[in-house]
C-alpha atoms as a PDB file:
ATOM      1  CA  MET A   1       5.077  35.813   1.684  1.00  0.00           C
ATOM      2  CA  LYS A   2       5.108  38.574  -0.937  1.00  0.00           C
ATOM      3  CA  ILE A   3       2.435  41.296  -0.550  1.00  0.00           C
ATOM      4  CA  ASN A   4       1.590  43.581  -3.389  1.00  0.00           C
ATOM      5  CA  ASP A   5      -1.181  45.493  -1.674  1.00  0.00           C
ATOM      6  CA  PRO A   6       0.327  48.085   0.731  1.00  0.00           C
ATOM      7  CA  GLN A   7      -2.569  47.232   3.069  1.00  0.00           C
ATOM      8  CA  ALA A   8      -3.144  43.584   2.814  1.00  0.00           C
ATOM      9  CA  VAL A   9      -5.053  42.076   5.636  1.00  0.00           C
ATOM     10  CA  LEU A  10      -4.556  38.621   7.136  1.00  0.00           C
ATOM     11  CA  SER A  11      -7.875  36.847   7.734  1.00  0.00           C
ATOM     12  CA  PRO A  12      -8.628  34.303  10.598  1.00  0.00           C
ATOM     13  CA  PRO A  13      -7.909  30.708  10.059  1.00  0.00           C
ATOM     14  CA  VAL A  14     -10.188  29.248   7.257  1.00  0.00           C
ATOM     15  CA  SER A  15     -10.120  25.579   8.207  1.00  0.00           C
ATOM     16  CA  GLN A  16      -9.322  23.552  11.361  1.00  0.00           C
ATOM     17  CA  GLN A  17      -8.921  19.814  11.884  1.00  0.00           C
ATOM     18  CA  ALA A  18     -10.010  18.246  15.260  1.00  0.00           C
ATOM     19  CA  VAL A  19      -8.164  15.342  16.738  1.00  0.00           C
ATOM     20  CA  GLN A  20     -10.527  13.090  18.668  1.00  0.00           C
ATOM     21  CA  PRO A  21      -9.774   9.642  20.017  1.00  0.00           C
ATOM     22  CA  LYS A  22     -11.340   6.735  18.224  1.00  0.00           C
ATOM     23  CA  GLY A  23     -14.148   5.238  20.206  1.00  0.00           C
ATOM     24  CA  ALA A  24     -14.301   8.179  22.631  1.00  0.00           C
ATOM     25  CA  ASP A  25     -18.091   7.933  22.615  1.00  0.00           C
ATOM     26  CA  LYS A  26     -17.552   4.382  23.935  1.00  0.00           C
ATOM     27  CA  GLY A  27     -15.535   5.591  26.850  1.00  0.00           C
ATOM     28  CA  SER A  28     -12.373   3.769  25.987  1.00  0.00           C
ATOM     29  CA  GLU A  29      -9.029   4.793  27.462  1.00  0.00           C
ATOM     30  CA  GLY A  30      -5.837   5.141  25.547  1.00  0.00           C
ATOM     31  CA  ALA A  31      -7.658   5.164  22.234  1.00  0.00           C
ATOM     32  CA  ILE A  32      -5.762   6.297  19.069  1.00  0.00           C
ATOM     33  CA  PRO A  33      -6.562   9.649  17.855  1.00  0.00           C
ATOM     34  CA  GLU A  34      -8.657  10.074  14.737  1.00  0.00           C
ATOM     35  CA  LEU A  35      -8.547  13.009  12.459  1.00  0.00           C
ATOM     36  CA  VAL A  36     -11.837  14.689  11.816  1.00  0.00           C
ATOM     37  CA  GLU A  37     -12.142  17.311   9.178  1.00  0.00           C
ATOM     38  CA  GLY A  38     -14.521  20.366   9.397  1.00  0.00           C
ATOM     39  CA  ASN A  39     -14.765  23.916  10.375  1.00  0.00           C
ATOM     40  CA  LEU A  40     -15.030  24.870  13.922  1.00  0.00           C
ATOM     41  CA  PRO A  41     -15.155  28.577  15.460  1.00  0.00           C
ATOM     42  CA  VAL A  42     -12.291  29.714  17.271  1.00  0.00           C
ATOM     43  CA  PHE A  43     -11.599  33.176  18.902  1.00  0.00           C
ATOM     44  CA  VAL A  44      -8.870  35.288  17.259  1.00  0.00           C
ATOM     45  CA  PHE A  45      -7.321  38.329  18.662  1.00  0.00           C
ATOM     46  CA  PRO A  46      -6.635  40.932  17.268  1.00  0.00           C
ATOM     47  CA  THR A  47      -9.579  40.382  14.797  1.00  0.00           C
ATOM     48  CA  GLU A  48      -7.575  42.212  11.883  1.00  0.00           C
ATOM     49  CA  LEU A  49      -3.854  42.359  10.997  1.00  0.00           C
ATOM     50  CA  ILE A  50      -2.611  45.089   8.726  1.00  0.00           C
ATOM     51  CA  PHE A  51       0.699  44.867   6.889  1.00  0.00           C
ATOM     52  CA  TYR A  52       2.300  47.629   5.126  1.00  0.00           C
ATOM     53  CA  ALA A  53       4.609  46.464   2.273  1.00  0.00           C
ATOM     54  CA  ASP A  54       6.997  49.580   2.669  1.00  0.00           C
ATOM     55  CA  ASP A  55       7.204  49.274   6.521  1.00  0.00           C
ATOM     56  CA  GLN A  56       8.856  46.045   7.517  1.00  0.00           C
ATOM     57  CA  SER A  57       8.318  46.610  11.191  1.00  0.00           C
ATOM     58  CA  THR A  58       4.614  45.606  10.524  1.00  0.00           C
ATOM     59  CA  HIS A  59       5.402  42.254   8.903  1.00  0.00           C
ATOM     60  CA  LYS A  60       5.702  40.582  12.449  1.00  0.00           C
ATOM     61  CA  GLN A  61       2.666  40.732  14.664  1.00  0.00           C
ATOM     62  CA  VAL A  62       1.341  38.394  17.311  1.00  0.00           C
ATOM     63  CA  LEU A  63      -1.828  36.476  16.554  1.00  0.00           C
ATOM     64  CA  THR A  64      -3.523  34.779  19.445  1.00  0.00           C
ATOM     65  CA  LEU A  65      -5.979  31.882  18.851  1.00  0.00           C
ATOM     66  CA  TYR A  66      -8.388  30.707  21.643  1.00  0.00           C
ATOM     67  CA  LYS A  67     -10.125  27.375  21.338  1.00  0.00           C
ATOM     68  CA  PRO A  68     -13.022  26.521  23.646  1.00  0.00           C
ATOM     69  CA  TYR A  69     -12.451  22.892  23.090  1.00  0.00           C
ATOM     70  CA  GLU A  70     -10.669  20.156  25.160  1.00  0.00           C
ATOM     71  CA  PHE A  71      -9.380  18.405  22.048  1.00  0.00           C
ATOM     72  CA  ALA A  72      -6.382  19.278  20.009  1.00  0.00           C
ATOM     73  CA  LEU A  73      -6.835  21.395  16.663  1.00  0.00           C
ATOM     74  CA  GLU A  74      -4.684  21.864  13.676  1.00  0.00           C
ATOM     75  CA  PHE A  75      -5.300  24.734  11.563  1.00  0.00           C
ATOM     76  CA  LYS A  76      -4.124  26.699   8.371  1.00  0.00           C
ATOM     77  CA  VAL A  77      -3.910  30.407   7.881  1.00  0.00           C
END
């Protein structure tokens, strides 16, 4: 990723996809997962990442996502 701004900030994920079993509301076991699109809130720490273009040591930082859901999520940053 090329960054022109010396203080570019990476925002939290903008969209997530929840994977829920088909027929989950009917209580079926071994159901095939169905992809459901939409936005769901997640907890992100730290809330802000700052990258400096001229300092490569700031280009690698850890971003932790916490999801309060029991189903799997796919997300894009």
